[in-house]
Amino acid sequence: MGPELEGEEGRLEEPEAAPVILALPAPGPERTPLEVPEAVPTPIPPSPPSGIELKVGKSFVPSLEPFLDATAAGHRGILIVRESPERLRAHVGSRPVDIYWLSVLGRGLSLKPGDLDGLSAFLDRSLNERHVTAFFLEGVEYLIQLHGLDRVLERLSAFDRSSREHDARVWVHLHPDLLSPSDLARVVERFGPSRNDSGPYS
């Protein structure tokens, strides 16, 4: 006889595999997302005003300070004065400034006060061709004596408009004792007063 087949009850059963339990890390404290502050734009400083700024005082030296500051920052400048230019070179130093003498003598860099048309043309060329962006004018009282207030105001007003178009600054100094009160009042009314730190009309 052949070997007997093993019955159902006699089969060996394999043990079931134990379930695998994965250990997860314990939850930590809840983290808040990193907040990145919004970039704050850097404010752009306002541009300095262009055009004519009137200075009234008995000495024009304090009035020179903003002009000297502008030319020290790199602006090309023209300084027109009745006083001898040699006395002003110490104030100007190495700044990019040309000093013109408002004088009939005609020595060196000079402009004739009797030629109002020539003076106006020179200022226009300086703006348009030489790209000067800082001007200081002294001796306007002398021009008013020679040509009358109306003509000088007309030329100054035209130069004021041109300088604004070219973003150029112009400082005009007036000595209060060299003009009649009515003429001084008209100039101040037209361009607005800007007096130096030493006091009104000092």
Protein backbone atom coordinates (compact mmCIF):
# COMPACT_ATOMS: atom_id res chain seq x y z
CA MET A 1 0.00 0.00 0.00
CA GLY A 2 1.15 3.47 -0.70
CA PRO A 3 1.59 6.06 1.98
CA GLU A 4 -1.54 7.54 3.37
CA LEU A 5 -2.33 11.14 2.58
CA GLU A 6 -2.30 13.38 5.52
CA GLY A 7 -5.77 14.63 6.36
CA GLU A 8 -6.92 18.20 6.69
CA GLU A 9 -6.52 18.05 10.42
CA GLY A 10 -3.02 16.81 10.19
CA ARG A 11 -1.65 19.75 8.17
CA LEU A 12 0.93 22.01 9.79
CA GLU A 13 -0.23 25.62 9.86
CA GLU A 14 2.29 28.49 9.63
CA PRO A 15 1.88 31.17 12.30
CA GLU A 16 0.47 34.50 11.10
CA ALA A 17 3.03 37.32 10.77
CA ALA A 18 2.82 39.90 13.54
CA PRO A 19 1.67 43.33 12.32
CA VAL A 20 4.44 45.94 11.93
CA ILE A 21 3.80 49.07 13.98
CA LEU A 22 5.74 52.18 12.89
CA ALA A 23 6.59 54.53 15.72
CA LEU A 24 5.95 58.17 14.71
CA PRO A 25 7.74 61.01 16.49
CA ALA A 26 5.73 62.78 19.10
CA PRO A 27 4.26 66.01 17.78
CA GLY A 28 6.25 69.07 18.87
CA PRO A 29 4.97 72.56 19.60
CA GLU A 30 3.18 74.16 16.67
CA ARG A 31 5.52 76.42 14.72
CA THR A 32 4.34 79.72 13.42
CA PRO A 33 5.41 80.54 9.88
CA LEU A 34 8.32 82.93 9.54
CA GLU A 35 6.96 86.36 8.83
CA VAL A 36 9.05 88.45 6.41
CA PRO A 37 8.46 92.17 6.92
CA GLU A 38 7.40 94.07 3.87
CA ALA A 39 10.13 96.17 2.31
CA VAL A 40 9.62 99.84 3.09
CA PRO A 41 10.60 102.01 0.12
CA THR A 42 13.32 104.54 0.84
CA PRO A 43 11.84 108.02 0.57
CA ILE A 44 13.33 110.11 -2.21
CA PRO A 45 14.42 113.53 -0.93
CA PRO A 46 12.72 116.41 -2.70
CA SER A 47 14.71 118.23 -5.33
CA PRO A 48 15.89 121.70 -4.37
CA PRO A 49 13.83 124.49 -5.86
CA SER A 50 14.99 125.86 -9.19
CA GLY A 51 14.76 129.40 -10.49
CA ILE A 52 15.55 132.64 -8.71
CA GLU A 53 15.92 132.77 -4.94
CA LEU A 54 16.15 136.32 -3.63
CA LYS A 55 18.61 137.22 -0.88
CA VAL A 56 18.44 140.64 0.80
CA GLY A 57 21.17 141.87 3.12
CA LYS A 58 23.93 144.41 3.53
CA SER A 59 26.61 141.76 3.02
CA PHE A 60 26.38 139.21 0.24
CA VAL A 61 28.88 136.84 1.86
CA PRO A 62 26.22 135.00 3.95
CA SER A 63 24.09 134.75 0.81
CA LEU A 64 26.92 132.92 -0.94
CA GLU A 65 26.68 129.85 1.31
CA PRO A 66 23.96 127.91 -0.56
CA PHE A 67 25.67 128.69 -3.87
CA LEU A 68 28.99 127.41 -2.53
CA ASP A 69 27.28 124.30 -1.16
CA ALA A 70 25.71 123.55 -4.55
CA THR A 71 28.96 124.00 -6.46
CA ALA A 72 30.88 121.96 -3.88
CA ALA A 73 28.40 119.14 -4.64
CA GLY A 74 29.42 119.25 -8.31
CA HIS A 75 27.10 121.82 -9.89
CA ARG A 76 28.87 124.03 -12.39
CA GLY A 77 28.57 127.64 -11.26
CA ILE A 78 28.85 131.23 -12.44
CA LEU A 79 29.38 134.05 -9.98
CA ILE A 80 28.70 137.61 -11.18
CA VAL A 81 29.75 140.38 -8.80
CA ARG A 82 30.54 144.08 -8.70
CA GLU A 83 33.41 143.42 -6.30
CA SER A 84 36.86 142.47 -7.59
CA PRO A 85 36.90 138.72 -8.35
CA GLU A 86 40.27 138.31 -6.65
CA ARG A 87 38.66 138.94 -3.26
CA LEU A 88 36.23 136.06 -3.82
CA ARG A 89 38.60 133.35 -4.97
CA ALA A 90 39.36 132.35 -1.37
CA HIS A 91 35.65 131.63 -0.83
CA VAL A 92 35.29 129.70 -4.08
CA GLY A 93 38.43 127.58 -3.72
CA SER A 94 38.61 124.65 -6.15
CA ARG A 95 34.89 124.57 -6.94
CA PRO A 96 33.88 124.51 -10.63
CA VAL A 97 32.98 128.21 -10.63
CA ASP A 98 33.78 131.01 -13.06
CA ILE A 99 33.82 134.49 -11.50
CA TYR A 100 32.72 137.35 -13.73
CA TRP A 101 33.28 140.98 -12.88
CA LEU A 102 30.33 143.29 -13.60
CA SER A 103 32.52 146.21 -14.59
CA VAL A 104 33.22 148.69 -17.38
CA LEU A 105 36.95 148.02 -17.08
CA GLY A 106 36.78 144.88 -19.19
CA ARG A 107 39.70 143.05 -17.57
CA GLY A 108 39.71 139.26 -17.42
CA LEU A 109 36.32 137.59 -17.17
CA SER A 110 34.02 140.60 -17.14
CA LEU A 111 30.55 141.68 -18.21
CA LYS A 112 29.65 145.26 -19.08
CA PRO A 113 26.78 146.54 -16.93
CA GLY A 114 25.67 148.93 -19.68
CA ASP A 115 24.96 146.05 -22.08
CA LEU A 116 21.81 144.49 -20.67
CA ASP A 117 21.13 142.56 -23.89
CA GLY A 118 24.64 141.13 -23.85
CA LEU A 119 24.31 140.11 -20.19
CA SER A 120 20.99 138.36 -20.88
CA ALA A 121 22.47 136.55 -23.88
CA PHE A 122 25.44 135.43 -21.77
CA LEU A 123 23.14 133.96 -19.11
CA ASP A 124 21.09 132.14 -21.75
CA ARG A 125 24.22 130.65 -23.36
CA SER A 126 25.45 129.52 -19.97
CA LEU A 127 22.21 127.62 -19.44
CA ASN A 128 21.78 126.15 -22.92
CA GLU A 129 25.35 125.57 -24.11
CA ARG A 130 27.55 125.37 -21.05
CA HIS A 131 24.94 123.59 -18.87
CA VAL A 132 25.58 125.78 -15.83
CA THR A 133 23.14 124.88 -13.04
CA ALA A 134 24.14 127.33 -10.27
CA PHE A 135 24.25 131.13 -10.60
CA PHE A 136 24.93 133.91 -8.12
CA LEU A 137 24.14 137.46 -9.20
CA GLU A 138 25.24 140.52 -7.26
CA GLY A 139 25.08 144.12 -8.47
CA VAL A 140 21.49 144.06 -9.71
CA GLU A 141 20.95 147.45 -8.01
CA TYR A 142 23.53 148.93 -10.41
CA LEU A 143 21.69 147.45 -13.39
CA ILE A 144 18.44 148.98 -12.13
CA GLN A 145 20.09 152.40 -11.88
CA LEU A 146 21.33 152.12 -15.47
CA HIS A 147 18.36 150.50 -17.20
CA GLY A 148 15.36 151.08 -14.94
CA LEU A 149 13.48 148.64 -12.77
CA ASP A 150 10.97 147.53 -15.39
CA ARG A 151 13.59 146.37 -17.92
CA VAL A 152 15.67 144.60 -15.30
CA LEU A 153 12.62 142.86 -13.83
CA GLU A 154 11.62 141.76 -17.33
CA ARG A 155 15.04 140.19 -17.95
CA LEU A 156 15.19 138.58 -14.51
CA SER A 157 11.71 137.11 -14.99
CA ALA A 158 12.71 135.62 -18.34
CA PHE A 159 15.88 134.16 -16.82
CA ASP A 160 13.83 132.79 -13.93
CA ARG A 161 11.61 130.90 -16.39
CA SER A 162 14.59 129.56 -18.36
CA SER A 163 16.43 128.43 -15.24
CA ARG A 164 13.36 126.51 -14.06
CA GLU A 165 13.16 124.75 -17.43
CA HIS A 166 16.82 123.71 -17.05
CA ASP A 167 16.48 122.84 -13.34
CA ALA A 168 19.09 125.47 -12.47
CA ARG A 169 19.25 127.49 -9.27
CA VAL A 170 19.84 131.24 -9.22
CA TRP A 171 20.64 133.28 -6.14
CA VAL A 172 20.14 137.04 -6.54
CA HIS A 173 21.49 139.27 -3.80
CA LEU A 174 20.17 142.79 -3.14
CA HIS A 175 21.59 145.44 -0.83
CA PRO A 176 18.59 147.22 0.74
CA ASP A 177 20.37 150.58 1.02
CA LEU A 178 21.18 150.70 -2.71
CA LEU A 179 17.56 150.69 -3.88
CA SER A 180 14.63 152.94 -3.16
CA PRO A 181 12.06 151.39 -0.80
CA SER A 182 9.50 151.19 -3.62
CA ASP A 183 11.90 149.46 -6.03
CA LEU A 184 13.03 147.02 -3.34
CA ALA A 185 9.40 146.24 -2.50
CA ARG A 186 8.61 145.46 -6.15
CA VAL A 187 11.54 143.09 -6.50
CA VAL A 188 10.68 141.34 -3.25
CA GLU A 189 7.04 141.10 -4.34
CA ARG A 190 8.06 139.52 -7.63
CA PHE A 191 10.57 136.94 -6.39
CA GLY A 192 9.79 136.62 -2.69
CA PRO A 193 12.10 137.45 0.21
CA SER A 194 14.79 135.07 1.41
CA ARG A 195 16.88 136.80 4.04
CA ASN A 196 20.14 135.64 5.49
CA ASP A 197 20.60 134.36 9.02
CA SER A 198 21.98 137.58 10.41
CA GLY A 199 18.55 139.19 10.50
CA PRO A 200 16.17 141.06 8.24
CA TYR A 201 17.96 143.25 5.72
CA SER A 202 21.18 143.08 7.76
